[in-house]
Every structure is written in C-alpha cells, then in structure tokens.
Amino acid sequence: MESVEARARARVGLLGNPSDAFGGRALACTLPAFEASVRIAAAERFEIAPAEEDALTFPDLREAVEAYRSFGSEGGNRLLRAAAVRFLEHAPDCGGAPPGRLRFRMAWQTRIPRQVGLGGSSAIVVAALRALAAWFRLEIAPLRLAELALAAEVEELGIAAGPMDRVTQAFDDLVLVDCDEPFADGSVQVIGAGILPPLFVAWNPAGGRASGRVHASVRERFVHGDAVVHAVMRELAALADEGLAALRRGDAAAFRACLDRNLALRCRVYEVDAHSLELVAIARDFGASAKLSGSGGAVVGVLADAGRRPALAEAYRRAGYDCVALAGR
C-alpha cells in the first residue's frame, strides 16, 4: 500500500518571544528530541485518524473540507482538518491528481510534550502540510509552508499565535525571524544551530495552559495601545538581535544574561505560572540562566558550568519535572 510520512520537530523560543505574536523579532531553534509525524496512506474514503480519537471519514478530501467549513471541528481532529483546508486553498487542483488520489487516510502521532510551550500543535500542522505535499507530489517552500501553517491555526481555528513556531519548524534550524512582515523576502535569517552553546530544556509533564489563552489578554491590551505592553515587546525584540550578536562572537555569558532579561521582561506583562517559575528557580540554583521556551510549562536554559548538567537533571527529576539536553546540534 502506497504511503508517505512527514515530520516536524518541537520548537524552542530562545530570545525575543513572545514579541513574535506582536510584530517583534525572535530567535528560535528546533528540538531534535521531540517530533510530530503525519502518515498518509491510500484508503477507500478520506479519513482522519488522530492518535487519541476515533477516525472521522468522508467520501474524499473535498467533501471533508466542505463539512469542516459548514460544521467546524472540535477536539484533536481540528489541526489536521485545518491543515487540509489550507492545503486545498494553496493547491486547489491538488497538482492535477486523479480523483482516486483524494481518498486517503491521515494519521498523526506526536512525541512532543503537550501544552508546555514547545510548539506541539504547530508541529502537527506543519507535518500534515508536508505530508499532503508529498502525497500530491508538490513542493512547498519553507516560508510558504510556515505561512500556511499559521493561517490554519489563526484563521481557521481562531488561535492567538505568532509566526515563530511555524517558521522555525518549517526551516528546522536556528533562525532569526522578523515578525513584523514574517513572510516577506529577507524576513528570516537561517543562522545554523552550530553556534549555540549547550542548552537544556526542562518541562512540567503535567502540561500547562493552551498558548492561545496565554496570549489573549495581552493581545487585547496591545490592540488597545497599552504603553507598557508595547514597550516590553520592543525590548524583547531587541533582545533577539542582542543575543544573536553574543552567539556570533562566542560570548556565552552575554547570551545567558539575555535569557534572564527576556524572562524579566515577560513577567512585566504576563502572569507566569508557578511551575514555570519553579523550573527557572531550579536552574538558577545550579548557576544556569533560563527562560520560558514558549507559552509556559517549559524552560530553556544554559549552564555556566556544563559539567553540572547531570546534577541539574536529577534535581528536576526529584521535583517531578523532565529535562533533556540539546547537545550535539
């Protein structure tokens, strides 16, 4: 049976976020330890088979999209459905595919910890778009892929989100993103993860809050011209450039200082949950700098003494958290 499979990795926001949701700038990379995948295989009908829900079936892709347009979507199916809508708008003739190729089964799996700010939802959407492109033998450029993924979540599902996750996952590297016009030529600089110092990511396995809920109240303040929110977003955006300059000159101490400053700025306008603050506090007990990697529930950090990483991981384990190193990029 013919099939294709596509993947997308978790995302780690290093600096600048959450200004990415407000036209700022962001420095981010992917996390090789975790990924989402979407597999497409020939079938008699169009089917969506989520990992945790019963499959939903339709006569073919076009009728599935029409049903989604008419009735909406709930639960875990919505991400694949939204991806299907945007793909069909991007390629309405599906590359000239015969009718029989519109009937297939889409199944997704993910190893990305859920709702901890590691881009788990966007990874599923990016993987789905990649799989659809592969199934119909089409090419989607990374920037266009990111644009389609963001539209799927924001315009189809009403999720408050920025471009950082999707751009990072589409390019699958260390990137600097100008989020004022994120899909314009020259808006993304692919840096190369080789300049990163040894990083760690720690998270709460119990999960956190959905990213859309985290951003909603701050977005409302931003739209209404809140001076504090606007000032913080400008400073966060500047930190992305400052941190990249530190990385390029090999100044790990300056990069760590940028991480700490990013967290302090975020705390001025966002309510940071207790588990995320504890994750940061544990890191600082070991001389590390750390900040939220996304919307909350996970942190990314750098140890001043890399030799203390095993002890740090053990401290997280004792506190009920998980930790992984990003070494070997």
Protein backbone atom coordinates (compact mmCIF):
# COMPACT_ATOMS: atom_id res chain seq x y z
CA MET A 1 0.00 0.00 0.00
CA GLU A 2 1.39 3.37 -1.02
CA SER A 3 2.06 5.78 1.85
CA VAL A 4 4.07 8.86 2.76
CA GLU A 5 5.14 10.23 6.14
CA ALA A 6 6.33 13.67 7.17
CA ARG A 7 7.67 15.05 10.42
CA ALA A 8 8.17 18.33 12.27
CA ARG A 9 10.21 18.92 15.38
CA ALA A 10 9.38 20.72 18.60
CA ARG A 11 10.33 24.40 18.75
CA VAL A 12 12.31 26.27 21.41
CA GLY A 13 11.98 30.04 21.65
CA LEU A 14 15.40 31.31 22.69
CA LEU A 15 15.02 35.10 22.71
CA GLY A 16 12.50 37.73 21.70
CA ASN A 17 9.38 35.66 22.30
CA PRO A 18 6.57 36.37 22.99
CA SER A 19 7.12 39.53 20.90
CA ASP A 20 6.74 37.26 17.85
CA ALA A 21 2.97 37.35 18.37
CA PHE A 22 3.04 41.16 18.29
CA GLY A 23 5.21 42.02 15.30
CA GLY A 24 8.52 41.73 17.11
CA ARG A 25 11.60 39.58 16.47
CA ALA A 26 12.51 36.14 17.71
CA LEU A 27 15.48 33.81 17.82
CA ALA A 28 14.43 30.16 17.93
CA CYS A 29 15.55 26.64 17.09
CA THR A 30 14.08 23.16 16.79
CA LEU A 31 14.43 20.45 19.42
CA PRO A 32 15.63 17.14 17.89
CA ALA A 33 14.50 15.08 20.87
CA PHE A 34 10.81 15.52 20.06
CA GLU A 35 8.76 15.48 16.89
CA ALA A 36 5.27 15.05 15.46
CA SER A 37 4.55 12.92 12.41
CA VAL A 38 1.70 12.56 9.94
CA ARG A 39 1.32 9.48 7.74
CA ILE A 40 -0.88 9.33 4.65
CA ALA A 41 -1.90 6.04 3.07
CA ALA A 42 -4.35 5.13 0.34
CA ALA A 43 -7.89 4.36 1.50
CA GLU A 44 -11.41 3.95 0.15
CA ARG A 45 -12.53 7.20 1.76
CA PHE A 46 -10.87 10.27 3.22
CA GLU A 47 -10.13 9.53 6.86
CA ILE A 48 -8.55 11.40 9.76
CA ALA A 49 -7.21 9.06 12.42
CA PRO A 50 -5.88 11.02 15.41
CA ALA A 51 -3.77 9.26 17.96
CA GLU A 52 -6.34 9.62 20.74
CA GLU A 53 -9.71 9.75 18.97
CA ASP A 54 -11.77 7.61 16.62
CA ALA A 55 -11.20 8.22 12.93
CA LEU A 56 -13.57 10.54 11.09
CA THR A 57 -14.26 9.54 7.50
CA PHE A 58 -15.64 11.33 4.45
CA PRO A 59 -16.05 10.33 0.79
CA ASP A 60 -12.89 12.27 -0.13
CA LEU A 61 -10.74 15.29 0.75
CA ARG A 62 -13.02 17.86 -0.91
CA GLU A 63 -16.11 16.68 0.97
CA ALA A 64 -14.15 16.61 4.22
CA VAL A 65 -13.16 20.25 3.73
CA GLU A 66 -16.76 21.19 2.86
CA ALA A 67 -18.02 19.52 6.03
CA TYR A 68 -15.41 21.36 8.06
CA ARG A 69 -16.42 24.67 6.51
CA SER A 70 -20.08 24.02 7.33
CA PHE A 71 -19.87 22.49 10.78
CA GLY A 72 -16.48 23.36 12.21
CA SER A 73 -14.32 21.00 14.22
CA GLU A 74 -13.69 20.06 17.82
CA GLY A 75 -11.03 18.07 19.57
CA GLY A 76 -7.73 16.78 18.23
CA ASN A 77 -9.06 16.43 14.68
CA ARG A 78 -9.13 20.16 14.18
CA LEU A 79 -5.42 20.58 13.45
CA LEU A 80 -5.40 18.10 10.57
CA ARG A 81 -8.68 19.42 9.27
CA ALA A 82 -7.41 22.99 9.32
CA ALA A 83 -4.21 21.90 7.55
CA ALA A 84 -6.32 20.16 4.88
CA VAL A 85 -8.34 23.33 4.32
CA ARG A 86 -5.26 25.49 3.85
CA PHE A 87 -3.55 22.95 1.64
CA LEU A 88 -6.56 22.72 -0.67
CA GLU A 89 -6.69 26.52 -0.90
CA HIS A 90 -2.98 26.56 -1.69
CA ALA A 91 -3.29 23.84 -4.35
CA PRO A 92 -6.97 23.62 -5.40
CA ASP A 93 -6.27 21.10 -8.16
CA CYS A 94 -4.00 19.04 -5.88
CA GLY A 95 -1.33 19.05 -8.57
CA GLY A 96 -3.73 17.64 -11.12
CA ALA A 97 -4.19 14.46 -9.08
CA PRO A 98 -6.82 11.96 -10.29
CA PRO A 99 -10.00 11.66 -8.16
CA GLY A 100 -8.85 8.42 -6.60
CA ARG A 101 -5.87 10.15 -5.00
CA LEU A 102 -8.23 12.37 -2.99
CA ARG A 103 -9.16 9.33 -0.92
CA PHE A 104 -6.64 8.55 1.77
CA ARG A 105 -6.12 8.10 5.48
CA MET A 106 -4.25 10.70 7.54
CA ALA A 107 -2.91 9.52 10.90
CA TRP A 108 -0.86 11.58 13.31
CA GLN A 109 1.42 10.81 16.22
CA THR A 110 3.42 13.10 18.48
CA ARG A 111 6.21 12.72 21.00
CA ILE A 112 6.18 16.43 21.86
CA PRO A 113 5.09 17.15 25.45
CA ARG A 114 1.67 18.76 25.23
CA GLN A 115 0.75 22.31 26.25
CA VAL A 116 4.15 23.24 27.64
CA GLY A 117 5.19 25.81 25.04
CA LEU A 118 7.22 23.59 22.70
CA GLY A 119 5.15 24.15 19.55
CA GLY A 120 3.34 20.82 19.68
CA SER A 121 0.22 21.93 17.83
CA SER A 122 2.09 23.78 15.11
CA ALA A 123 4.35 20.75 14.62
CA ILE A 124 1.32 18.60 13.82
CA VAL A 125 0.07 21.20 11.32
CA VAL A 126 3.50 21.57 9.65
CA ALA A 127 3.89 17.79 9.46
CA ALA A 128 0.40 17.48 7.96
CA LEU A 129 1.12 20.08 5.28
CA ARG A 130 4.41 18.36 4.44
CA ALA A 131 2.66 15.01 4.20
CA LEU A 132 -0.07 16.41 1.94
CA ALA A 133 2.54 18.00 -0.31
CA ALA A 134 4.43 14.70 -0.52
CA TRP A 135 1.24 12.73 -1.22
CA PHE A 136 0.33 15.00 -4.13
CA ARG A 137 3.98 15.29 -5.25
CA LEU A 138 4.09 19.05 -4.76
CA GLU A 139 6.81 21.30 -3.36
CA ILE A 140 6.04 23.93 -0.71
CA ALA A 141 8.86 26.37 0.06
CA PRO A 142 9.63 26.70 3.80
CA LEU A 143 8.37 30.28 4.11
CA ARG A 144 5.13 29.42 2.33
CA LEU A 145 4.78 26.29 4.47
CA ALA A 146 5.07 28.42 7.61
CA GLU A 147 2.52 30.90 6.26
CA LEU A 148 0.00 28.15 5.53
CA ALA A 149 0.52 26.62 8.98
CA LEU A 150 -0.04 29.93 10.75
CA ALA A 151 -3.18 30.62 8.69
CA ALA A 152 -4.51 27.16 9.57
CA GLU A 153 -4.33 27.89 13.28
CA VAL A 154 -5.15 31.60 13.35
CA GLU A 155 -7.71 31.96 10.57
CA GLU A 156 -9.30 28.51 10.63
CA LEU A 157 -9.20 27.81 14.36
CA GLY A 158 -9.06 31.29 15.91
CA ILE A 159 -5.93 30.54 17.92
CA ALA A 160 -3.90 33.55 19.09
CA ALA A 161 -0.44 32.73 17.72
CA GLY A 162 2.62 34.23 16.09
CA PRO A 163 4.84 33.10 13.24
CA MET A 164 7.88 32.00 15.27
CA ASP A 165 6.83 28.38 15.80
CA ARG A 166 5.88 27.67 12.22
CA VAL A 167 8.85 29.45 10.65
CA THR A 168 11.29 27.65 12.94
CA GLN A 169 9.70 24.27 12.25
CA ALA A 170 9.49 24.92 8.51
CA PHE A 171 13.22 25.77 8.27
CA ASP A 172 14.19 23.25 11.01
CA ASP A 173 17.21 25.22 12.19
CA LEU A 174 18.29 28.15 14.33
CA VAL A 175 16.52 31.15 12.83
CA LEU A 176 16.05 34.85 13.46
CA VAL A 177 12.55 35.92 12.43
CA ASP A 178 11.37 39.47 11.76
CA CYS A 179 7.74 39.07 12.79
CA ASP A 180 6.57 42.45 11.52
CA GLU A 181 6.44 41.01 7.99
CA PRO A 182 7.34 37.38 8.69
CA PHE A 183 6.63 36.03 5.22
CA ALA A 184 8.33 38.75 3.20
CA ASP A 185 11.61 38.14 1.38
CA GLY A 186 14.51 38.52 3.80
CA SER A 187 12.34 38.23 6.91
CA VAL A 188 14.04 35.00 8.04
CA GLN A 189 17.74 34.56 8.66
CA VAL A 190 18.80 30.91 8.88
CA ILE A 191 21.73 31.06 11.29
CA GLY A 192 22.72 27.44 11.79
CA ALA A 193 22.46 25.75 15.19
CA GLY A 194 26.21 25.12 15.36
CA ILE A 195 26.81 28.43 17.12
CA LEU A 196 24.56 27.54 20.05
CA PRO A 197 26.10 26.74 23.44
CA PRO A 198 24.98 23.52 25.17
CA LEU A 199 21.33 24.06 26.03
CA PHE A 200 18.81 22.20 28.17
CA VAL A 201 15.03 22.17 28.14
CA ALA A 202 13.02 21.28 31.24
CA TRP A 203 9.25 20.99 31.45
CA ASN A 204 6.28 20.06 33.56
CA PRO A 205 4.98 16.67 32.32
CA ALA A 206 1.52 17.54 33.65
CA GLY A 207 1.26 20.25 30.99
CA GLY A 208 0.19 23.86 31.20
CA ARG A 209 -2.29 26.21 29.56
CA ALA A 210 -3.09 26.40 25.85
CA SER A 211 -0.97 29.09 24.18
CA GLY A 212 -3.99 30.93 22.77
CA ARG A 213 -5.33 31.51 26.27
CA VAL A 214 -1.97 32.72 27.49
CA HIS A 215 -1.70 35.38 24.78
CA ALA A 216 -5.33 36.51 24.60
CA SER A 217 -5.42 39.09 27.40
CA VAL A 218 -2.04 40.61 26.46
CA ARG A 219 -3.15 40.84 22.84
CA GLU A 220 -6.22 42.78 23.92
CA ARG A 221 -4.01 45.22 25.85
CA PHE A 222 -1.67 45.51 22.88
CA VAL A 223 -4.50 46.25 20.46
CA HIS A 224 -5.78 48.98 22.77
CA GLY A 225 -2.37 50.66 22.85
CA ASP A 226 -1.20 49.70 26.35
CA ALA A 227 2.10 51.59 26.70
CA VAL A 228 3.72 49.01 28.98
CA VAL A 229 2.92 46.09 26.67
CA HIS A 230 4.22 47.96 23.62
CA ALA A 231 7.44 48.96 25.42
CA VAL A 232 8.08 45.41 26.62
CA MET A 233 7.55 43.99 23.14
CA ARG A 234 10.08 46.43 21.69
CA GLU A 235 12.66 45.45 24.32
CA LEU A 236 12.03 41.75 23.77
CA ALA A 237 12.53 42.17 20.02
CA ALA A 238 15.82 43.98 20.59
CA LEU A 239 17.00 41.10 22.80
CA ALA A 240 16.77 38.69 19.87
CA ASP A 241 19.32 40.77 17.95
CA GLU A 242 21.48 41.27 21.03
CA GLY A 243 21.52 37.57 21.85
CA LEU A 244 22.39 36.59 18.28
CA ALA A 245 25.30 39.04 18.30
CA ALA A 246 26.53 37.44 21.53
CA LEU A 247 26.33 33.97 19.98
CA ARG A 248 28.23 35.06 16.89
CA ARG A 249 31.11 36.42 18.94
CA GLY A 250 31.10 33.38 21.24
CA ASP A 251 30.09 35.33 24.35
CA ALA A 252 28.15 32.74 26.35
CA ALA A 253 27.90 34.98 29.42
CA ALA A 254 26.22 37.74 27.44
CA PHE A 255 23.84 35.21 25.90
CA ARG A 256 22.91 33.91 29.36
CA ALA A 257 22.25 37.47 30.51
CA CYS A 258 19.88 37.91 27.58
CA LEU A 259 17.93 34.83 28.66
CA ASP A 260 17.48 36.23 32.16
CA ARG A 261 16.45 39.62 30.81
CA ASN A 262 13.90 38.01 28.47
CA LEU A 263 12.19 36.33 31.42
CA ALA A 264 12.17 39.53 33.49
CA LEU A 265 10.54 41.44 30.64
CA ARG A 266 7.93 38.75 30.10
CA CYS A 267 6.98 38.82 33.76
CA ARG A 268 6.14 42.52 33.43
CA VAL A 269 3.13 41.82 31.22
CA TYR A 270 2.33 38.10 31.56
CA GLU A 271 1.24 36.06 34.54
CA VAL A 272 3.81 33.25 34.63
CA ASP A 273 2.53 30.03 36.23
CA ALA A 274 4.07 28.66 39.40
CA HIS A 275 5.51 25.54 37.76
CA SER A 276 7.37 27.60 35.15
CA LEU A 277 8.82 29.83 37.87
CA GLU A 278 9.93 26.74 39.81
CA LEU A 279 11.62 25.38 36.69
CA VAL A 280 13.56 28.64 36.42
CA ALA A 281 14.39 28.67 40.14
CA ILE A 282 15.86 25.15 40.00
CA ALA A 283 18.00 26.16 37.03
CA ARG A 284 19.31 29.20 38.88
CA ASP A 285 20.20 27.06 41.89
CA PHE A 286 22.75 25.42 39.58
CA GLY A 287 24.11 28.67 38.16
CA ALA A 288 22.07 28.47 34.94
CA SER A 289 20.17 31.16 33.10
CA ALA A 290 16.71 30.13 31.92
CA LYS A 291 13.53 31.49 30.39
CA LEU A 292 10.21 30.19 29.11
CA SER A 293 10.63 28.41 25.80
CA GLY A 294 7.11 29.32 24.71
CA SER A 295 3.75 30.00 26.31
CA GLY A 296 4.55 28.31 29.62
CA GLY A 297 5.28 24.94 31.19
CA ALA A 298 8.80 24.55 29.77
CA VAL A 299 12.04 26.49 30.06
CA VAL A 300 15.22 26.63 28.01
CA GLY A 301 18.50 27.39 29.69
CA VAL A 302 22.29 27.47 29.63
CA LEU A 303 24.53 26.35 32.48
CA ALA A 304 27.60 28.42 33.30
CA ASP A 305 29.28 25.08 34.15
CA ALA A 306 28.17 22.40 31.68
CA GLY A 307 29.56 19.75 34.00
CA ARG A 308 26.64 20.34 36.36
CA ARG A 309 24.08 19.13 33.82
CA PRO A 310 23.62 15.62 35.34
CA ALA A 311 23.03 17.11 38.78
CA LEU A 312 20.57 19.62 37.32
CA ALA A 313 18.66 16.87 35.53
CA GLU A 314 18.47 14.89 38.77
CA ALA A 315 17.15 17.96 40.64
CA TYR A 316 14.42 18.35 38.06
CA ARG A 317 13.56 14.66 38.33
CA ARG A 318 13.25 14.86 42.10
CA ALA A 319 10.93 17.86 41.74
CA GLY A 320 8.69 15.95 39.32
CA TYR A 321 9.92 17.58 36.09
CA ASP A 322 11.58 16.25 32.95
CA CYS A 323 14.77 17.57 31.35
CA VAL A 324 16.61 16.97 28.08
CA ALA A 325 19.87 18.33 26.68
CA LEU A 326 20.16 19.91 23.25
CA ALA A 327 23.78 18.83 22.85
CA GLY A 328 25.06 17.63 19.53
CA ARG A 329 23.41 20.21 17.26
